[in-house]
Amino acid sequence: MSRLQPMRDNGQTLPGLRGMVIGIVDTGDKLDDVVTNLESGGFSRESMVCLHGDDGISLVKRVDGNFFGDSEDGIGKTSIAAMQQGKYALGVKVANGDEARKASTLAGEKGGHGFIHFGLFVSTQFN
């Protein structure tokens, strides 16, 4: 299957973080492995969004500072720093904390790290 393509910057605004679990994947090959593992665990490719490179940095910078709390601001800065090093930011839409934990675990099994779930009024760090 083809690689999950990073979102292009066309001047759009990123959707809110609520209901997302977001983390870092170091390489394109690891991204492929993480996505395959997530799909095997029941998460659809349509529930995933990937940011990478200058487009990803621009998208995150446009929303940086417009977050609800410290965790959101931190993931913005962490994502930018990771993308400046050629890494990927991966988000997965989840229905609840249990799905967030499952997605974080599946991603972690294949090299994903730093995953945070943004729930209603609560942010939870997983790995």
C-alpha atoms as a PDB file:
ATOM      1  CA  MET A   1       0.000   0.000   0.000  1.00  0.00           C
ATOM      2  CA  SER A   2       1.190   3.534  -0.663  1.00  0.00           C
ATOM      3  CA  ARG A   3       2.607   5.788   2.011  1.00  0.00           C
ATOM      4  CA  LEU A   4       0.229   8.043   3.943  1.00  0.00           C
ATOM      5  CA  GLN A   5       0.808  11.367   2.216  1.00  0.00           C
ATOM      6  CA  PRO A   6       1.615  14.435   4.315  1.00  0.00           C
ATOM      7  CA  MET A   7      -0.969  17.201   4.260  1.00  0.00           C
ATOM      8  CA  ARG A   8      -0.103  20.020   1.857  1.00  0.00           C
ATOM      9  CA  ASP A   9      -0.274  23.641   2.957  1.00  0.00           C
ATOM     10  CA  ASN A  10      -2.870  25.368   0.818  1.00  0.00           C
ATOM     11  CA  GLY A  11      -3.556  28.135   3.318  1.00  0.00           C
ATOM     12  CA  GLN A  12      -6.026  26.029   5.297  1.00  0.00           C
ATOM     13  CA  THR A  13      -6.330  25.917   9.077  1.00  0.00           C
ATOM     14  CA  LEU A  14      -5.756  22.653  10.899  1.00  0.00           C
ATOM     15  CA  PRO A  15      -8.825  21.179  12.595  1.00  0.00           C
ATOM     16  CA  GLY A  16      -9.054  21.302  16.384  1.00  0.00           C
ATOM     17  CA  LEU A  17      -7.033  18.815  18.394  1.00  0.00           C
ATOM     18  CA  ARG A  18      -9.954  17.515  20.465  1.00  0.00           C
ATOM     19  CA  GLY A  19     -10.445  13.820  19.792  1.00  0.00           C
ATOM     20  CA  MET A  20      -6.958  13.396  18.342  1.00  0.00           C
ATOM     21  CA  VAL A  21      -3.936  11.469  19.540  1.00  0.00           C
ATOM     22  CA  ILE A  22      -0.798  13.062  18.096  1.00  0.00           C
ATOM     23  CA  GLY A  23       2.825  11.976  18.146  1.00  0.00           C
ATOM     24  CA  ILE A  24       6.094  11.719  16.241  1.00  0.00           C
ATOM     25  CA  VAL A  25       7.428   9.133  13.800  1.00  0.00           C
ATOM     26  CA  ASP A  26      11.124   9.398  12.914  1.00  0.00           C
ATOM     27  CA  THR A  27      11.278   8.162   9.300  1.00  0.00           C
ATOM     28  CA  GLY A  28       9.099   7.453   6.287  1.00  0.00           C
ATOM     29  CA  ASP A  29       9.734   3.720   6.604  1.00  0.00           C
ATOM     30  CA  LYS A  30       8.674   3.777  10.262  1.00  0.00           C
ATOM     31  CA  LEU A  31       5.603   5.825   9.257  1.00  0.00           C
ATOM     32  CA  ASP A  32       4.634   3.039   6.847  1.00  0.00           C
ATOM     33  CA  ASP A  33       5.037   0.476   9.649  1.00  0.00           C
ATOM     34  CA  VAL A  34       3.050   2.576  12.136  1.00  0.00           C
ATOM     35  CA  VAL A  35       0.201   3.155   9.656  1.00  0.00           C
ATOM     36  CA  THR A  36       0.058  -0.560   8.780  1.00  0.00           C
ATOM     37  CA  ASN A  37      -0.046  -1.473  12.485  1.00  0.00           C
ATOM     38  CA  LEU A  38      -2.792   1.090  13.159  1.00  0.00           C
ATOM     39  CA  GLU A  39      -4.832  -0.239  10.229  1.00  0.00           C
ATOM     40  CA  SER A  40      -4.368  -3.809  11.493  1.00  0.00           C
ATOM     41  CA  GLY A  41      -5.671  -2.585  14.851  1.00  0.00           C
ATOM     42  CA  GLY A  42      -8.869  -1.203  13.330  1.00  0.00           C
ATOM     43  CA  PHE A  43      -8.002   2.438  12.617  1.00  0.00           C
ATOM     44  CA  SER A  44      -8.810   3.619   9.120  1.00  0.00           C
ATOM     45  CA  ARG A  45      -6.335   5.515   6.992  1.00  0.00           C
ATOM     46  CA  GLU A  46      -9.003   8.236   6.743  1.00  0.00           C
ATOM     47  CA  SER A  47      -8.736   8.749  10.516  1.00  0.00           C
ATOM     48  CA  MET A  48      -5.035   9.638  10.159  1.00  0.00           C
ATOM     49  CA  VAL A  49      -3.318  12.865   9.214  1.00  0.00           C
ATOM     50  CA  CYS A  50       0.393  13.284   8.641  1.00  0.00           C
ATOM     51  CA  LEU A  51       2.457  16.480   8.654  1.00  0.00           C
ATOM     52  CA  HIS A  52       5.991  16.712   7.324  1.00  0.00           C
ATOM     53  CA  GLY A  53       8.538  19.225   6.079  1.00  0.00           C
ATOM     54  CA  ASP A  54       7.940  22.880   5.284  1.00  0.00           C
ATOM     55  CA  ASP A  55       4.218  22.365   4.609  1.00  0.00           C
ATOM     56  CA  GLY A  56       3.725  20.724   7.997  1.00  0.00           C
ATOM     57  CA  ILE A  57       5.727  23.392   9.792  1.00  0.00           C
ATOM     58  CA  SER A  58       3.699  26.160   8.136  1.00  0.00           C
ATOM     59  CA  LEU A  59       0.413  24.494   9.076  1.00  0.00           C
ATOM     60  CA  VAL A  60       1.430  24.107  12.720  1.00  0.00           C
ATOM     61  CA  LYS A  61       2.836  27.646  12.961  1.00  0.00           C
ATOM     62  CA  ARG A  62      -0.475  29.096  11.846  1.00  0.00           C
ATOM     63  CA  VAL A  63      -2.250  27.553  14.818  1.00  0.00           C
ATOM     64  CA  ASP A  64       0.617  27.795  17.338  1.00  0.00           C
ATOM     65  CA  GLY A  65      -0.511  29.955  20.260  1.00  0.00           C
ATOM     66  CA  ASN A  66      -4.235  29.398  19.650  1.00  0.00           C
ATOM     67  CA  PHE A  67      -4.482  26.309  21.812  1.00  0.00           C
ATOM     68  CA  PHE A  68      -6.462  25.514  24.951  1.00  0.00           C
ATOM     69  CA  GLY A  69      -3.553  24.749  27.268  1.00  0.00           C
ATOM     70  CA  ASP A  70       0.092  23.864  27.778  1.00  0.00           C
ATOM     71  CA  SER A  71      -0.080  20.382  26.230  1.00  0.00           C
ATOM     72  CA  GLU A  72      -1.378  21.740  22.946  1.00  0.00           C
ATOM     73  CA  ASP A  73       1.268  24.457  22.815  1.00  0.00           C
ATOM     74  CA  GLY A  74       3.906  21.842  23.684  1.00  0.00           C
ATOM     75  CA  ILE A  75       2.854  19.454  20.917  1.00  0.00           C
ATOM     76  CA  GLY A  76       3.000  22.365  18.462  1.00  0.00           C
ATOM     77  CA  LYS A  77       6.578  23.169  19.429  1.00  0.00           C
ATOM     78  CA  THR A  78       7.556  19.497  19.571  1.00  0.00           C
ATOM     79  CA  SER A  79       6.036  18.842  16.143  1.00  0.00           C
ATOM     80  CA  ILE A  80       7.830  21.813  14.575  1.00  0.00           C
ATOM     81  CA  ALA A  81      11.177  20.762  16.067  1.00  0.00           C
ATOM     82  CA  ALA A  82      10.651  17.174  14.849  1.00  0.00           C
ATOM     83  CA  MET A  83       9.707  18.272  11.324  1.00  0.00           C
ATOM     84  CA  GLN A  84      12.757  20.554  11.194  1.00  0.00           C
ATOM     85  CA  GLN A  85      14.756  17.330  11.723  1.00  0.00           C
ATOM     86  CA  GLY A  86      12.923  15.555   8.879  1.00  0.00           C
ATOM     87  CA  LYS A  87      10.535  13.603  11.126  1.00  0.00           C
ATOM     88  CA  TYR A  88       6.758  13.225  10.779  1.00  0.00           C
ATOM     89  CA  ALA A  89       3.899  14.358  13.018  1.00  0.00           C
ATOM     90  CA  LEU A  90       1.050  11.841  12.964  1.00  0.00           C
ATOM     91  CA  GLY A  91      -2.479  12.433  14.213  1.00  0.00           C
ATOM     92  CA  VAL A  92      -5.192   9.798  14.619  1.00  0.00           C
ATOM     93  CA  LYS A  93      -8.852  10.662  15.217  1.00  0.00           C
ATOM     94  CA  VAL A  94     -10.153   8.646  18.179  1.00  0.00           C
ATOM     95  CA  ALA A  95     -13.535   8.354  19.881  1.00  0.00           C
ATOM     96  CA  ASN A  96     -12.305   8.202  23.486  1.00  0.00           C
ATOM     97  CA  GLY A  97      -9.399   7.633  25.836  1.00  0.00           C
ATOM     98  CA  ASP A  98      -9.434   3.862  25.349  1.00  0.00           C
ATOM     99  CA  GLU A  99      -9.008   4.264  21.581  1.00  0.00           C
ATOM    100  CA  ALA A 100      -6.290   6.843  22.205  1.00  0.00           C
ATOM    101  CA  ARG A 101      -4.394   4.396  24.409  1.00  0.00           C
ATOM    102  CA  LYS A 102      -4.803   1.652  21.789  1.00  0.00           C
ATOM    103  CA  ALA A 103      -3.598   3.904  18.948  1.00  0.00           C
ATOM    104  CA  SER A 104      -0.615   5.097  21.016  1.00  0.00           C
ATOM    105  CA  THR A 105       0.322   1.520  21.893  1.00  0.00           C
ATOM    106  CA  LEU A 106       0.059   0.347  18.275  1.00  0.00           C
ATOM    107  CA  ALA A 107       2.127   3.314  17.063  1.00  0.00           C
ATOM    108  CA  GLY A 108       4.701   2.748  19.809  1.00  0.00           C
ATOM    109  CA  GLU A 109       5.134  -0.888  18.781  1.00  0.00           C
ATOM    110  CA  LYS A 110       6.505   0.327  15.432  1.00  0.00           C
ATOM    111  CA  GLY A 111       8.571   3.291  16.590  1.00  0.00           C
ATOM    112  CA  GLY A 112       6.049   6.105  17.110  1.00  0.00           C
ATOM    113  CA  HIS A 113       6.683   8.179  20.240  1.00  0.00           C
ATOM    114  CA  GLY A 114       5.554  11.193  22.225  1.00  0.00           C
ATOM    115  CA  PHE A 115       1.847  10.534  21.662  1.00  0.00           C
ATOM    116  CA  ILE A 116      -0.625  12.780  23.481  1.00  0.00           C
ATOM    117  CA  HIS A 117      -4.414  12.443  23.487  1.00  0.00           C
ATOM    118  CA  PHE A 118      -6.460  15.628  23.462  1.00  0.00           C
ATOM    119  CA  GLY A 119      -9.788  14.825  25.071  1.00  0.00           C
ATOM    120  CA  LEU A 120     -12.526  17.030  26.461  1.00  0.00           C
ATOM    121  CA  PHE A 121     -10.759  19.246  29.046  1.00  0.00           C
ATOM    122  CA  VAL A 122      -7.997  16.627  29.545  1.00  0.00           C
ATOM    123  CA  SER A 123      -4.759  15.879  27.719  1.00  0.00           C
ATOM    124  CA  THR A 124      -3.010  12.558  28.382  1.00  0.00           C
ATOM    125  CA  GLN A 125       0.610  11.671  27.538  1.00  0.00           C
ATOM    126  CA  PHE A 126       1.047   8.016  26.529  1.00  0.00           C
ATOM    127  CA  ASN A 127       4.550   7.317  25.210  1.00  0.00           C
END
